[in-house]
Amino acid sequence: MVRPETRKAISVNKTDIVKVQDYLRRTFANTNIRLVARLKKDDSAEVYIGEEFLGVVSVDDEDGDRSFNFAMAILDIDLED
C-alpha cells in the first residue's frame, strides 16, 4: 500500500482533456460533448453536453497504466417522463 505522503500527484492536463473529449464525441456521436478543466482540482475534468453537467472524468495512473474513469450520477427525478 502506498502511503498518502509518498503518492505521486496525478493531474489531467490539456492534452488529456482534448483526447478524452474527442473519444467521447466519437463514441457517443455527439459533438456537443465538452470537457472543462476544474478550477480547484487538477485530477479531473467536468463533462458537459451543452450547458448540462453530466459527470466527471478522472485519471488513474496506478502501476504506470494510465486510464480515465467517467463517473455520472443519474437522479431518480431525471428518469421521470
N, C-alpha and C. Protein backbone atom coordinates (compact mmCIF):
# COMPACT_ATOMS: atom_id res chain seq x y z
N MET A 1 0.85 -1.18 0.00
CA MET A 1 0.00 0.00 0.00
C MET A 1 0.89 1.24 0.00
N VAL A 2 0.54 2.22 -0.84
CA VAL A 2 1.31 3.45 -0.92
C VAL A 2 0.80 4.41 0.13
N ARG A 3 1.72 4.95 0.89
CA ARG A 3 1.33 5.92 1.91
C ARG A 3 0.95 7.23 1.24
N PRO A 4 -0.08 7.93 1.74
CA PRO A 4 -0.56 9.16 1.10
C PRO A 4 0.54 10.19 0.87
N GLU A 5 1.47 10.32 1.80
CA GLU A 5 2.51 11.34 1.65
C GLU A 5 3.53 10.99 0.58
N THR A 6 3.58 9.73 0.13
CA THR A 6 4.51 9.35 -0.92
C THR A 6 3.83 9.14 -2.27
N ARG A 7 2.51 9.28 -2.30
CA ARG A 7 1.76 9.10 -3.54
C ARG A 7 2.02 10.27 -4.48
N LYS A 8 2.31 9.96 -5.74
CA LYS A 8 2.58 10.99 -6.74
C LYS A 8 1.27 11.65 -7.15
N ALA A 9 1.28 12.98 -7.25
CA ALA A 9 0.10 13.71 -7.69
C ALA A 9 -0.20 13.38 -9.15
N ILE A 10 -1.46 13.10 -9.44
CA ILE A 10 -1.88 12.77 -10.78
C ILE A 10 -2.77 13.90 -11.27
N SER A 11 -2.47 14.42 -12.45
CA SER A 11 -3.28 15.51 -12.96
C SER A 11 -3.75 15.22 -14.38
N VAL A 12 -4.88 15.83 -14.71
CA VAL A 12 -5.41 15.78 -16.06
C VAL A 12 -4.95 17.06 -16.74
N ASN A 13 -4.13 16.92 -17.79
CA ASN A 13 -3.63 18.11 -18.47
C ASN A 13 -4.48 18.42 -19.70
N LYS A 14 -4.16 19.52 -20.37
CA LYS A 14 -4.95 19.96 -21.52
C LYS A 14 -4.95 18.92 -22.64
N THR A 15 -3.83 18.26 -22.87
CA THR A 15 -3.75 17.21 -23.89
C THR A 15 -4.70 16.06 -23.56
N ASP A 16 -4.73 15.65 -22.28
CA ASP A 16 -5.65 14.60 -21.84
C ASP A 16 -7.10 15.00 -22.09
N ILE A 17 -7.42 16.24 -21.75
CA ILE A 17 -8.79 16.74 -21.90
C ILE A 17 -9.22 16.67 -23.35
N VAL A 18 -8.37 17.11 -24.26
CA VAL A 18 -8.70 17.08 -25.69
C VAL A 18 -8.87 15.64 -26.18
N LYS A 19 -7.97 14.75 -25.79
CA LYS A 19 -8.05 13.35 -26.23
C LYS A 19 -9.31 12.67 -25.72
N VAL A 20 -9.62 12.85 -24.44
CA VAL A 20 -10.80 12.20 -23.86
C VAL A 20 -12.07 12.81 -24.45
N GLN A 21 -12.09 14.13 -24.63
CA GLN A 21 -13.25 14.79 -25.24
C GLN A 21 -13.49 14.25 -26.65
N ASP A 22 -12.44 14.14 -27.45
CA ASP A 22 -12.59 13.60 -28.80
C ASP A 22 -13.10 12.15 -28.77
N TYR A 23 -12.58 11.37 -27.84
CA TYR A 23 -13.02 9.98 -27.70
C TYR A 23 -14.52 9.91 -27.37
N LEU A 24 -14.95 10.71 -26.39
CA LEU A 24 -16.37 10.70 -26.00
C LEU A 24 -17.25 11.18 -27.15
N ARG A 25 -16.82 12.20 -27.87
CA ARG A 25 -17.60 12.70 -29.01
C ARG A 25 -17.77 11.61 -30.07
N ARG A 26 -16.69 10.89 -30.38
CA ARG A 26 -16.76 9.82 -31.38
C ARG A 26 -17.63 8.66 -30.87
N THR A 27 -17.41 8.26 -29.64
CA THR A 27 -18.11 7.10 -29.06
C THR A 27 -19.62 7.33 -28.99
N PHE A 28 -20.03 8.53 -28.59
CA PHE A 28 -21.45 8.82 -28.43
C PHE A 28 -22.03 9.62 -29.59
N ALA A 29 -21.24 9.81 -30.65
CA ALA A 29 -21.68 10.53 -31.85
C ALA A 29 -22.36 11.85 -31.49
N ASN A 30 -21.68 12.63 -30.66
CA ASN A 30 -22.25 13.90 -30.20
C ASN A 30 -21.13 14.94 -30.08
N THR A 31 -21.11 15.88 -31.00
CA THR A 31 -20.07 16.91 -30.98
C THR A 31 -20.31 17.99 -29.93
N ASN A 32 -21.43 17.92 -29.23
CA ASN A 32 -21.72 18.89 -28.17
C ASN A 32 -21.10 18.52 -26.83
N ILE A 33 -20.50 17.34 -26.74
CA ILE A 33 -19.82 16.93 -25.51
C ILE A 33 -18.56 17.76 -25.36
N ARG A 34 -18.36 18.28 -24.17
CA ARG A 34 -17.13 19.04 -23.91
C ARG A 34 -16.62 18.76 -22.51
N LEU A 35 -15.31 18.75 -22.39
CA LEU A 35 -14.67 18.59 -21.09
C LEU A 35 -14.11 19.94 -20.67
N VAL A 36 -14.26 20.23 -19.40
CA VAL A 36 -13.81 21.51 -18.85
C VAL A 36 -12.92 21.23 -17.64
N ALA A 37 -11.74 21.83 -17.65
CA ALA A 37 -10.84 21.69 -16.50
C ALA A 37 -11.51 22.27 -15.27
N ARG A 38 -11.28 21.66 -14.14
CA ARG A 38 -11.85 22.13 -12.87
C ARG A 38 -10.93 23.20 -12.29
N LEU A 39 -11.50 24.21 -11.69
CA LEU A 39 -10.72 25.33 -11.17
C LEU A 39 -9.87 24.97 -9.96
N LYS A 40 -10.43 24.22 -9.04
CA LYS A 40 -9.74 23.95 -7.78
C LYS A 40 -9.11 22.56 -7.70
N LYS A 41 -9.36 21.72 -8.71
CA LYS A 41 -8.80 20.37 -8.71
C LYS A 41 -8.21 20.10 -10.07
N ASP A 42 -7.04 19.50 -10.10
CA ASP A 42 -6.44 19.18 -11.40
C ASP A 42 -6.38 17.68 -11.67
N ASP A 43 -7.05 16.90 -10.83
CA ASP A 43 -7.05 15.44 -11.02
C ASP A 43 -8.24 14.95 -11.82
N SER A 44 -9.07 15.90 -12.30
CA SER A 44 -10.27 15.52 -13.02
C SER A 44 -10.77 16.69 -13.87
N ALA A 45 -11.73 16.38 -14.75
CA ALA A 45 -12.36 17.39 -15.59
C ALA A 45 -13.87 17.13 -15.60
N GLU A 46 -14.64 18.19 -15.76
CA GLU A 46 -16.09 18.06 -15.80
C GLU A 46 -16.55 17.80 -17.23
N VAL A 47 -17.61 17.00 -17.37
CA VAL A 47 -18.15 16.65 -18.68
C VAL A 47 -19.52 17.31 -18.84
N TYR A 48 -19.71 17.96 -19.97
CA TYR A 48 -20.97 18.65 -20.27
C TYR A 48 -21.45 18.24 -21.66
N ILE A 49 -22.77 18.30 -21.85
CA ILE A 49 -23.36 18.36 -23.18
C ILE A 49 -24.08 19.69 -23.20
N GLY A 50 -23.60 20.59 -24.03
CA GLY A 50 -24.10 21.95 -23.99
C GLY A 50 -23.81 22.53 -22.62
N GLU A 51 -24.84 23.01 -21.96
CA GLU A 51 -24.68 23.56 -20.60
C GLU A 51 -25.04 22.56 -19.51
N GLU A 52 -25.48 21.37 -19.91
CA GLU A 52 -25.91 20.34 -18.96
C GLU A 52 -24.71 19.56 -18.43
N PHE A 53 -24.52 19.61 -17.11
CA PHE A 53 -23.44 18.86 -16.46
C PHE A 53 -23.79 17.38 -16.45
N LEU A 54 -22.85 16.55 -16.93
CA LEU A 54 -23.08 15.10 -16.96
C LEU A 54 -22.34 14.35 -15.88
N GLY A 55 -21.08 14.72 -15.67
CA GLY A 55 -20.28 13.97 -14.72
C GLY A 55 -18.84 14.43 -14.72
N VAL A 56 -17.97 13.56 -14.24
CA VAL A 56 -16.56 13.89 -14.06
C VAL A 56 -15.69 12.78 -14.63
N VAL A 57 -14.64 13.19 -15.32
CA VAL A 57 -13.62 12.26 -15.79
C VAL A 57 -12.40 12.44 -14.92
N SER A 58 -11.90 11.36 -14.35
CA SER A 58 -10.69 11.42 -13.53
C SER A 58 -9.64 10.49 -14.12
N VAL A 59 -8.40 10.77 -13.77
CA VAL A 59 -7.29 9.98 -14.31
C VAL A 59 -6.83 8.98 -13.26
N ASP A 60 -6.44 7.80 -13.74
CA ASP A 60 -5.89 6.76 -12.88
C ASP A 60 -4.56 6.35 -13.50
N ASP A 61 -3.48 6.58 -12.78
CA ASP A 61 -2.14 6.30 -13.31
C ASP A 61 -1.44 5.26 -12.45
N GLU A 62 -2.22 4.39 -11.82
CA GLU A 62 -1.67 3.38 -10.93
C GLU A 62 -0.87 2.35 -11.72
N ASP A 63 0.25 1.98 -11.21
CA ASP A 63 1.12 0.96 -11.80
C ASP A 63 1.56 1.30 -13.23
N GLY A 64 1.57 2.59 -13.59
CA GLY A 64 2.03 3.01 -14.90
C GLY A 64 1.04 2.78 -16.02
N ASP A 65 -0.14 2.24 -15.72
CA ASP A 65 -1.19 2.04 -16.73
C ASP A 65 -2.17 3.20 -16.63
N ARG A 66 -1.98 4.20 -17.48
CA ARG A 66 -2.82 5.40 -17.43
C ARG A 66 -4.19 5.10 -18.04
N SER A 67 -5.24 5.42 -17.29
CA SER A 67 -6.61 5.26 -17.79
C SER A 67 -7.46 6.39 -17.25
N PHE A 68 -8.64 6.52 -17.82
CA PHE A 68 -9.54 7.59 -17.41
C PHE A 68 -10.87 6.97 -17.03
N ASN A 69 -11.46 7.48 -15.95
CA ASN A 69 -12.73 6.97 -15.44
C ASN A 69 -13.79 8.05 -15.55
N PHE A 70 -14.92 7.70 -16.15
CA PHE A 70 -16.03 8.63 -16.29
C PHE A 70 -17.11 8.24 -15.29
N ALA A 71 -17.46 9.16 -14.40
CA ALA A 71 -18.49 8.91 -13.38
C ALA A 71 -19.67 9.85 -13.63
N MET A 72 -20.85 9.25 -13.72
CA MET A 72 -22.07 10.02 -13.99
C MET A 72 -23.16 9.55 -13.04
N ALA A 73 -23.72 10.47 -12.30
CA ALA A 73 -24.83 10.15 -11.41
C ALA A 73 -26.14 10.38 -12.15
N ILE A 74 -27.08 9.46 -12.01
CA ILE A 74 -28.41 9.61 -12.61
C ILE A 74 -29.42 9.70 -11.47
N LEU A 75 -30.03 10.85 -11.37
CA LEU A 75 -31.02 11.07 -10.31
C LEU A 75 -32.36 10.47 -10.69
N ASP A 76 -33.12 10.04 -9.69
CA ASP A 76 -34.41 9.44 -9.98
C ASP A 76 -35.35 10.44 -10.66
N ILE A 77 -35.21 11.73 -10.36
CA ILE A 77 -36.09 12.73 -11.00
C ILE A 77 -35.76 12.86 -12.49
N ASP A 78 -34.53 12.51 -12.89
CA ASP A 78 -34.16 12.54 -14.31
C ASP A 78 -34.82 11.40 -15.09
N LEU A 79 -35.26 10.37 -14.40
CA LEU A 79 -35.85 9.20 -15.05
C LEU A 79 -37.35 9.36 -15.29
N GLU A 80 -37.94 10.39 -14.71
CA GLU A 80 -39.38 10.60 -14.87
C GLU A 80 -39.66 11.10 -16.28
N ASP A 81 -40.81 10.66 -16.82
CA ASP A 81 -41.21 11.08 -18.18
C ASP A 81 -41.76 12.49 -18.18
